[in-house]
Amino acid sequence: MTEPKIAATSPAVVTLEPGTYWWCRCGHSQNQPYCDSSHKTVEGDFSPVEFTIEQETRVRLCRCKHTADQPWCDDAHKALR
């Protein structure tokens, strides 16, 4: 597999507390949009993307896996419909 699995065609809109998070890049995680290590069972280089939140923030995390600004949603899902 060279393309990620599309987990959803909408972003995950969440409020995150300060901390470090791991965004799923492969699309196979059962804990979308966060990594659950499913990438280890699929073909391709789909290591997760680490990101840090400094203060409580409401964010839009990509679930279609086609964003150009990982892990943030850039509305790339709209072109997939």
PDB file of N, CA and C in Angstrom:
ATOM      1  N   MET A   1       0.851  -1.178   0.000  1.00  0.00           N
ATOM      2  CA  MET A   1       0.000   0.000   0.000  1.00  0.00           C
ATOM      3  C   MET A   1       0.889   1.231   0.000  1.00  0.00           C
ATOM      4  N   THR A   2       0.687   2.100  -0.947  1.00  0.00           N
ATOM      5  CA  THR A   2       1.474   3.329  -0.996  1.00  0.00           C
ATOM      6  C   THR A   2       0.646   4.556  -0.674  1.00  0.00           C
ATOM      7  N   GLU A   3      -0.655   4.407  -0.688  1.00  0.00           N
ATOM      8  CA  GLU A   3      -1.558   5.499  -0.351  1.00  0.00           C
ATOM      9  C   GLU A   3      -2.190   5.213   1.007  1.00  0.00           C
ATOM     10  N   PRO A   4      -2.401   6.251   1.813  1.00  0.00           N
ATOM     11  CA  PRO A   4      -3.058   6.025   3.100  1.00  0.00           C
ATOM     12  C   PRO A   4      -4.536   5.684   2.923  1.00  0.00           C
ATOM     13  N   LYS A   5      -5.090   5.016   3.895  1.00  0.00           N
ATOM     14  CA  LYS A   5      -6.525   4.731   3.917  1.00  0.00           C
ATOM     15  C   LYS A   5      -7.252   6.003   4.349  1.00  0.00           C
ATOM     16  N   ILE A   6      -8.313   6.351   3.654  1.00  0.00           N
ATOM     17  CA  ILE A   6      -9.118   7.519   4.034  1.00  0.00           C
ATOM     18  C   ILE A   6      -9.984   7.097   5.218  1.00  0.00           C
ATOM     19  N   ALA A   7      -9.712   7.641   6.378  1.00  0.00           N
ATOM     20  CA  ALA A   7     -10.457   7.280   7.583  1.00  0.00           C
ATOM     21  C   ALA A   7     -11.820   7.966   7.613  1.00  0.00           C
ATOM     22  N   ALA A   8     -11.899   9.171   7.073  1.00  0.00           N
ATOM     23  CA  ALA A   8     -13.152   9.936   7.026  1.00  0.00           C
ATOM     24  C   ALA A   8     -12.958  11.107   6.074  1.00  0.00           C
ATOM     25  N   THR A   9     -14.053  11.635   5.562  1.00  0.00           N
ATOM     26  CA  THR A   9     -13.964  12.790   4.655  1.00  0.00           C
ATOM     27  C   THR A   9     -14.408  14.067   5.360  1.00  0.00           C
ATOM     28  N   SER A  10     -14.016  14.150   6.615  1.00  0.00           N
ATOM     29  CA  SER A  10     -14.235  15.358   7.409  1.00  0.00           C
ATOM     30  C   SER A  10     -13.144  15.390   8.477  1.00  0.00           C
ATOM     31  N   PRO A  11     -12.811  16.579   8.971  1.00  0.00           N
ATOM     32  CA  PRO A  11     -11.781  16.660  10.006  1.00  0.00           C
ATOM     33  C   PRO A  11     -12.327  16.245  11.372  1.00  0.00           C
ATOM     34  N   ALA A  12     -11.424  15.891  12.258  1.00  0.00           N
ATOM     35  CA  ALA A  12     -11.776  15.686  13.657  1.00  0.00           C
ATOM     36  C   ALA A  12     -11.582  17.046  14.322  1.00  0.00           C
ATOM     37  N   VAL A  13     -12.652  17.626  14.806  1.00  0.00           N
ATOM     38  CA  VAL A  13     -12.584  18.928  15.476  1.00  0.00           C
ATOM     39  C   VAL A  13     -12.580  18.651  16.972  1.00  0.00           C
ATOM     40  N   VAL A  14     -11.446  18.933  17.608  1.00  0.00           N
ATOM     41  CA  VAL A  14     -11.262  18.587  19.019  1.00  0.00           C
ATOM     42  C   VAL A  14     -10.569  19.720  19.756  1.00  0.00           C
ATOM     43  N   THR A  15     -10.805  19.779  21.061  1.00  0.00           N
ATOM     44  CA  THR A  15     -10.071  20.686  21.928  1.00  0.00           C
ATOM     45  C   THR A  15      -9.013  19.869  22.636  1.00  0.00           C
ATOM     46  N   LEU A  16      -7.762  20.237  22.431  1.00  0.00           N
ATOM     47  CA  LEU A  16      -6.649  19.490  23.011  1.00  0.00           C
ATOM     48  C   LEU A  16      -6.009  20.253  24.157  1.00  0.00           C
ATOM     49  N   GLU A  17      -5.664  19.509  25.179  1.00  0.00           N
ATOM     50  CA  GLU A  17      -4.924  20.040  26.320  1.00  0.00           C
ATOM     51  C   GLU A  17      -3.440  20.106  25.941  1.00  0.00           C
ATOM     52  N   PRO A  18      -2.644  20.891  26.655  1.00  0.00           N
ATOM     53  CA  PRO A  18      -1.208  20.914  26.373  1.00  0.00           C
ATOM     54  C   PRO A  18      -0.626  19.505  26.475  1.00  0.00           C
ATOM     55  N   GLY A  19       0.254  19.190  25.549  1.00  0.00           N
ATOM     56  CA  GLY A  19       0.894  17.881  25.550  1.00  0.00           C
ATOM     57  C   GLY A  19       1.365  17.487  24.173  1.00  0.00           C
ATOM     58  N   THR A  20       1.900  16.281  24.086  1.00  0.00           N
ATOM     59  CA  THR A  20       2.392  15.730  22.832  1.00  0.00           C
ATOM     60  C   THR A  20       1.422  14.680  22.334  1.00  0.00           C
ATOM     61  N   TYR A  21       1.143  14.715  21.042  1.00  0.00           N
ATOM     62  CA  TYR A  21       0.192  13.804  20.415  1.00  0.00           C
ATOM     63  C   TYR A  21       0.839  13.170  19.188  1.00  0.00           C
ATOM     64  N   TRP A  22       0.284  12.033  18.773  1.00  0.00           N
ATOM     65  CA  TRP A  22       0.764  11.320  17.586  1.00  0.00           C
ATOM     66  C   TRP A  22      -0.409  11.157  16.636  1.00  0.00           C
ATOM     67  N   TRP A  23      -0.338  11.801  15.483  1.00  0.00           N
ATOM     68  CA  TRP A  23      -1.393  11.760  14.474  1.00  0.00           C
ATOM     69  C   TRP A  23      -1.174  10.564  13.552  1.00  0.00           C
ATOM     70  N   CYS A  24      -2.234   9.821  13.299  1.00  0.00           N
ATOM     71  CA  CYS A  24      -2.186   8.655  12.414  1.00  0.00           C
ATOM     72  C   CYS A  24      -2.012   9.100  10.976  1.00  0.00           C
ATOM     73  N   ARG A  25      -0.978   8.608  10.330  1.00  0.00           N
ATOM     74  CA  ARG A  25      -0.715   8.942   8.928  1.00  0.00           C
ATOM     75  C   ARG A  25      -1.233   7.861   7.973  1.00  0.00           C
ATOM     76  N   CYS A  26      -1.369   6.613   8.462  1.00  0.00           N
ATOM     77  CA  CYS A  26      -1.749   5.506   7.567  1.00  0.00           C
ATOM     78  C   CYS A  26      -3.251   5.396   7.339  1.00  0.00           C
ATOM     79  N   GLY A  27      -4.058   5.873   8.293  1.00  0.00           N
ATOM     80  CA  GLY A  27      -5.506   5.798   8.176  1.00  0.00           C
ATOM     81  C   GLY A  27      -6.117   4.536   8.749  1.00  0.00           C
ATOM     82  N   HIS A  28      -5.306   3.626   9.263  1.00  0.00           N
ATOM     83  CA  HIS A  28      -5.815   2.351   9.768  1.00  0.00           C
ATOM     84  C   HIS A  28      -6.071   2.335  11.277  1.00  0.00           C
ATOM     85  N   SER A  29      -5.669   3.357  11.982  1.00  0.00           N
ATOM     86  CA  SER A  29      -5.864   3.401  13.434  1.00  0.00           C
ATOM     87  C   SER A  29      -7.347   3.304  13.796  1.00  0.00           C
ATOM     88  N   GLN A  30      -7.642   2.550  14.830  1.00  0.00           N
ATOM     89  CA  GLN A  30      -9.012   2.457  15.343  1.00  0.00           C
ATOM     90  C   GLN A  30      -9.299   3.614  16.301  1.00  0.00           C
ATOM     91  N   ASN A  31      -8.303   4.469  16.523  1.00  0.00           N
ATOM     92  CA  ASN A  31      -8.415   5.597  17.448  1.00  0.00           C
ATOM     93  C   ASN A  31      -8.219   6.918  16.691  1.00  0.00           C
ATOM     94  N   GLN A  32      -8.838   7.047  15.527  1.00  0.00           N
ATOM     95  CA  GLN A  32      -8.673   8.235  14.678  1.00  0.00           C
ATOM     96  C   GLN A  32      -9.006   9.510  15.432  1.00  0.00           C
ATOM     97  N   PRO A  33      -8.231  10.543  15.239  1.00  0.00           N
ATOM     98  CA  PRO A  33      -7.138  10.711  14.291  1.00  0.00           C
ATOM     99  C   PRO A  33      -5.769  10.380  14.874  1.00  0.00           C
ATOM    100  N   TYR A  34      -5.753   9.708  16.012  1.00  0.00           N
ATOM    101  CA  TYR A  34      -4.501   9.429  16.713  1.00  0.00           C
ATOM    102  C   TYR A  34      -3.959   8.045  16.361  1.00  0.00           C
ATOM    103  N   CYS A  35      -2.667   7.896  16.459  1.00  0.00           N
ATOM    104  CA  CYS A  35      -1.987   6.648  16.125  1.00  0.00           C
ATOM    105  C   CYS A  35      -2.236   5.582  17.193  1.00  0.00           C
ATOM    106  N   ASP A  36      -2.484   4.347  16.750  1.00  0.00           N
ATOM    107  CA  ASP A  36      -2.566   3.196  17.660  1.00  0.00           C
ATOM    108  C   ASP A  36      -1.564   2.116  17.242  1.00  0.00           C
ATOM    109  N   SER A  37      -0.572   2.496  16.455  1.00  0.00           N
ATOM    110  CA  SER A  37       0.494   1.625  15.938  1.00  0.00           C
ATOM    111  C   SER A  37       0.044   0.700  14.817  1.00  0.00           C
ATOM    112  N   SER A  38      -1.122   0.932  14.228  1.00  0.00           N
ATOM    113  CA  SER A  38      -1.585   0.123  13.106  1.00  0.00           C
ATOM    114  C   SER A  38      -0.648   0.218  11.906  1.00  0.00           C
ATOM    115  N   HIS A  39       0.102   1.320  11.793  1.00  0.00           N
ATOM    116  CA  HIS A  39       1.018   1.503  10.662  1.00  0.00           C
ATOM    117  C   HIS A  39       2.051   0.386  10.577  1.00  0.00           C
ATOM    118  N   LYS A  40       2.291  -0.285  11.681  1.00  0.00           N
ATOM    119  CA  LYS A  40       3.280  -1.370  11.697  1.00  0.00           C
ATOM    120  C   LYS A  40       2.799  -2.591  10.930  1.00  0.00           C
ATOM    121  N   THR A  41       1.492  -2.653  10.632  1.00  0.00           N
ATOM    122  CA  THR A  41       0.933  -3.818   9.945  1.00  0.00           C
ATOM    123  C   THR A  41       0.587  -3.552   8.483  1.00  0.00           C
ATOM    124  N   VAL A  42       0.860  -2.338   7.976  1.00  0.00           N
ATOM    125  CA  VAL A  42       0.544  -2.017   6.585  1.00  0.00           C
ATOM    126  C   VAL A  42       1.829  -1.699   5.817  1.00  0.00           C
ATOM    127  N   GLU A  43       1.787  -1.940   4.522  1.00  0.00           N
ATOM    128  CA  GLU A  43       2.926  -1.673   3.668  1.00  0.00           C
ATOM    129  C   GLU A  43       3.069  -0.177   3.423  1.00  0.00           C
ATOM    130  N   GLY A  44       4.290   0.313   3.426  1.00  0.00           N
ATOM    131  CA  GLY A  44       4.547   1.720   3.158  1.00  0.00           C
ATOM    132  C   GLY A  44       5.149   2.409   4.371  1.00  0.00           C
ATOM    133  N   ASP A  45       5.612   3.629   4.169  1.00  0.00           N
ATOM    134  CA  ASP A  45       6.222   4.414   5.250  1.00  0.00           C
ATOM    135  C   ASP A  45       5.168   5.337   5.834  1.00  0.00           C
ATOM    136  N   PHE A  46       4.463   4.847   6.820  1.00  0.00           N
ATOM    137  CA  PHE A  46       3.372   5.606   7.417  1.00  0.00           C
ATOM    138  C   PHE A  46       3.602   5.866   8.904  1.00  0.00           C
ATOM    139  N   SER A  47       4.824   6.193   9.269  1.00  0.00           N
ATOM    140  CA  SER A  47       5.073   6.489  10.672  1.00  0.00           C
ATOM    141  C   SER A  47       4.218   7.686  11.090  1.00  0.00           C
ATOM    142  N   PRO A  48       3.782   7.715  12.356  1.00  0.00           N
ATOM    143  CA  PRO A  48       2.900   8.793  12.807  1.00  0.00           C
ATOM    144  C   PRO A  48       3.617  10.141  12.863  1.00  0.00           C
ATOM    145  N   VAL A  49       2.824  11.195  12.883  1.00  0.00           N
ATOM    146  CA  VAL A  49       3.344  12.559  12.969  1.00  0.00           C
ATOM    147  C   VAL A  49       3.186  13.036  14.407  1.00  0.00           C
ATOM    148  N   GLU A  50       4.302  13.381  15.023  1.00  0.00           N
ATOM    149  CA  GLU A  50       4.284  13.910  16.391  1.00  0.00           C
ATOM    150  C   GLU A  50       4.008  15.409  16.333  1.00  0.00           C
ATOM    151  N   PHE A  51       3.115  15.867  17.221  1.00  0.00           N
ATOM    152  CA  PHE A  51       2.893  17.311  17.322  1.00  0.00           C
ATOM    153  C   PHE A  51       2.629  17.670  18.776  1.00  0.00           C
ATOM    154  N   THR A  52       2.946  18.913  19.107  1.00  0.00           N
ATOM    155  CA  THR A  52       2.836  19.377  20.494  1.00  0.00           C
ATOM    156  C   THR A  52       1.886  20.565  20.560  1.00  0.00           C
ATOM    157  N   ILE A  53       1.044  20.535  21.562  1.00  0.00           N
ATOM    158  CA  ILE A  53       0.128  21.638  21.842  1.00  0.00           C
ATOM    159  C   ILE A  53       0.639  22.341  23.102  1.00  0.00           C
ATOM    160  N   GLU A  54       0.837  23.645  23.014  1.00  0.00           N
ATOM    161  CA  GLU A  54       1.396  24.417  24.133  1.00  0.00           C
ATOM    162  C   GLU A  54       0.333  24.912  25.114  1.00  0.00           C
ATOM    163  N   GLN A  55      -0.870  25.184  24.602  1.00  0.00           N
ATOM    164  CA  GLN A  55      -1.962  25.640  25.461  1.00  0.00           C
ATOM    165  C   GLN A  55      -3.256  25.046  24.926  1.00  0.00           C
ATOM    166  N   GLU A  56      -4.271  24.965  25.760  1.00  0.00           N
ATOM    167  CA  GLU A  56      -5.539  24.386  25.324  1.00  0.00           C
ATOM    168  C   GLU A  56      -5.979  25.062  24.025  1.00  0.00           C
ATOM    169  N   THR A  57      -6.242  24.244  23.019  1.00  0.00           N
ATOM    170  CA  THR A  57      -6.528  24.769  21.685  1.00  0.00           C
ATOM    171  C   THR A  57      -7.549  23.888  20.976  1.00  0.00           C
ATOM    172  N   ARG A  58      -8.474  24.524  20.287  1.00  0.00           N
ATOM    173  CA  ARG A  58      -9.424  23.797  19.436  1.00  0.00           C
ATOM    174  C   ARG A  58      -8.787  23.680  18.051  1.00  0.00           C
ATOM    175  N   VAL A  59      -8.689  22.455  17.541  1.00  0.00           N
ATOM    176  CA  VAL A  59      -8.002  22.211  16.274  1.00  0.00           C
ATOM    177  C   VAL A  59      -8.851  21.340  15.348  1.00  0.00           C
ATOM    178  N   ARG A  60      -8.478  21.358  14.075  1.00  0.00           N
ATOM    179  CA  ARG A  60      -9.090  20.488  13.058  1.00  0.00           C
ATOM    180  C   ARG A  60      -7.997  19.542  12.571  1.00  0.00           C
ATOM    181  N   LEU A  61      -8.095  18.266  12.958  1.00  0.00           N
ATOM    182  CA  LEU A  61      -7.108  17.275  12.562  1.00  0.00           C
ATOM    183  C   LEU A  61      -7.609  16.497  11.349  1.00  0.00           C
ATOM    184  N   CYS A  62      -6.738  16.313  10.378  1.00  0.00           N
ATOM    185  CA  CYS A  62      -7.091  15.634   9.142  1.00  0.00           C
ATOM    186  C   CYS A  62      -7.392  14.157   9.392  1.00  0.00           C
ATOM    187  N   ARG A  63      -8.467  13.673   8.766  1.00  0.00           N
ATOM    188  CA  ARG A  63      -8.780  12.240   8.807  1.00  0.00           C
ATOM    189  C   ARG A  63      -8.780  11.628   7.414  1.00  0.00           C
ATOM    190  N   CYS A  64      -8.707  12.459   6.355  1.00  0.00           N
ATOM    191  CA  CYS A  64      -8.655  11.897   5.002  1.00  0.00           C
ATOM    192  C   CYS A  64      -7.225  11.491   4.632  1.00  0.00           C
ATOM    193  N   LYS A  65      -6.261  11.996   5.368  1.00  0.00           N
ATOM    194  CA  LYS A  65      -4.838  11.684   5.211  1.00  0.00           C
ATOM    195  C   LYS A  65      -4.222  12.271   3.944  1.00  0.00           C
ATOM    196  N   HIS A  66      -4.887  13.222   3.312  1.00  0.00           N
ATOM    197  CA  HIS A  66      -4.376  13.842   2.096  1.00  0.00           C
ATOM    198  C   HIS A  66      -3.989  15.317   2.291  1.00  0.00           C
ATOM    199  N   THR A  67      -4.000  15.801   3.507  1.00  0.00           N
ATOM    200  CA  THR A  67      -3.623  17.185   3.775  1.00  0.00           C
ATOM    201  C   THR A  67      -2.170  17.453   3.402  1.00  0.00           C
ATOM    202  N   ALA A  68      -1.888  18.646   2.978  1.00  0.00           N
ATOM    203  CA  ALA A  68      -0.516  19.064   2.702  1.00  0.00           C
ATOM    204  C   ALA A  68       0.120  19.675   3.949  1.00  0.00           C
ATOM    205  N   ASP A  69      -0.646  19.760   5.024  1.00  0.00           N
ATOM    206  CA  ASP A  69      -0.194  20.413   6.262  1.00  0.00           C
ATOM    207  C   ASP A  69      -0.394  19.475   7.459  1.00  0.00           C
ATOM    208  N   GLN A  70       0.163  18.279   7.378  1.00  0.00           N
ATOM    209  CA  GLN A  70      -0.026  17.264   8.428  1.00  0.00           C
ATOM    210  C   GLN A  70       0.357  17.795   9.797  1.00  0.00           C
ATOM    211  N   PRO A  71      -0.440  17.603  10.812  1.00  0.00           N
ATOM    212  CA  PRO A  71      -1.661  16.821  10.921  1.00  0.00           C
ATOM    213  C   PRO A  71      -2.935  17.648  10.728  1.00  0.00           C
ATOM    214  N   TRP A  72      -2.786  18.904  10.373  1.00  0.00           N
ATOM    215  CA  TRP A  72      -3.918  19.837  10.319  1.00  0.00           C
ATOM    216  C   TRP A  72      -4.746  19.661   9.046  1.00  0.00           C
ATOM    217  N   CYS A  73      -6.043  19.802   9.175  1.00  0.00           N
ATOM    218  CA  CYS A  73      -6.943  19.719   8.024  1.00  0.00           C
ATOM    219  C   CYS A  73      -6.769  20.962   7.160  1.00  0.00           C
ATOM    220  N   ASP A  74      -6.573  20.747   5.865  1.00  0.00           N
ATOM    221  CA  ASP A  74      -6.514  21.868   4.912  1.00  0.00           C
ATOM    222  C   ASP A  74      -7.659  21.771   3.899  1.00  0.00           C
ATOM    223  N   ASP A  75      -8.690  21.016   4.254  1.00  0.00           N
ATOM    224  CA  ASP A  75      -9.869  20.797   3.428  1.00  0.00           C
ATOM    225  C   ASP A  75      -9.610  19.978   2.170  1.00  0.00           C
ATOM    226  N   ALA A  76      -8.511  19.223   2.135  1.00  0.00           N
ATOM    227  CA  ALA A  76      -8.220  18.340   1.001  1.00  0.00           C
ATOM    228  C   ALA A  76      -9.329  17.307   0.815  1.00  0.00           C
ATOM    229  N   HIS A  77     -10.044  16.971   1.877  1.00  0.00           N
ATOM    230  CA  HIS A  77     -11.131  15.979   1.802  1.00  0.00           C
ATOM    231  C   HIS A  77     -12.220  16.402   0.827  1.00  0.00           C
ATOM    232  N   LYS A  78     -12.389  17.690   0.626  1.00  0.00           N
ATOM    233  CA  LYS A  78     -13.430  18.177  -0.285  1.00  0.00           C
ATOM    234  C   LYS A  78     -13.187  17.755  -1.724  1.00  0.00           C
ATOM    235  N   ALA A  79     -11.928  17.551  -2.094  1.00  0.00           N
ATOM    236  CA  ALA A  79     -11.597  17.117  -3.448  1.00  0.00           C
ATOM    237  C   ALA A  79     -11.747  15.603  -3.610  1.00  0.00           C
ATOM    238  N   LEU A  80     -11.944  14.888  -2.521  1.00  0.00           N
ATOM    239  CA  LEU A  80     -12.048  13.423  -2.565  1.00  0.00           C
ATOM    240  C   LEU A  80     -13.474  12.951  -2.722  1.00  0.00           C
ATOM    241  N   ARG A  81     -14.443  13.820  -2.587  1.00  0.00           N
ATOM    242  CA  ARG A  81     -15.852  13.429  -2.639  1.00  0.00           C
ATOM    243  C   ARG A  81     -16.330  13.185  -4.032  1.00  0.00           C
TER     244      ARG A  81
END
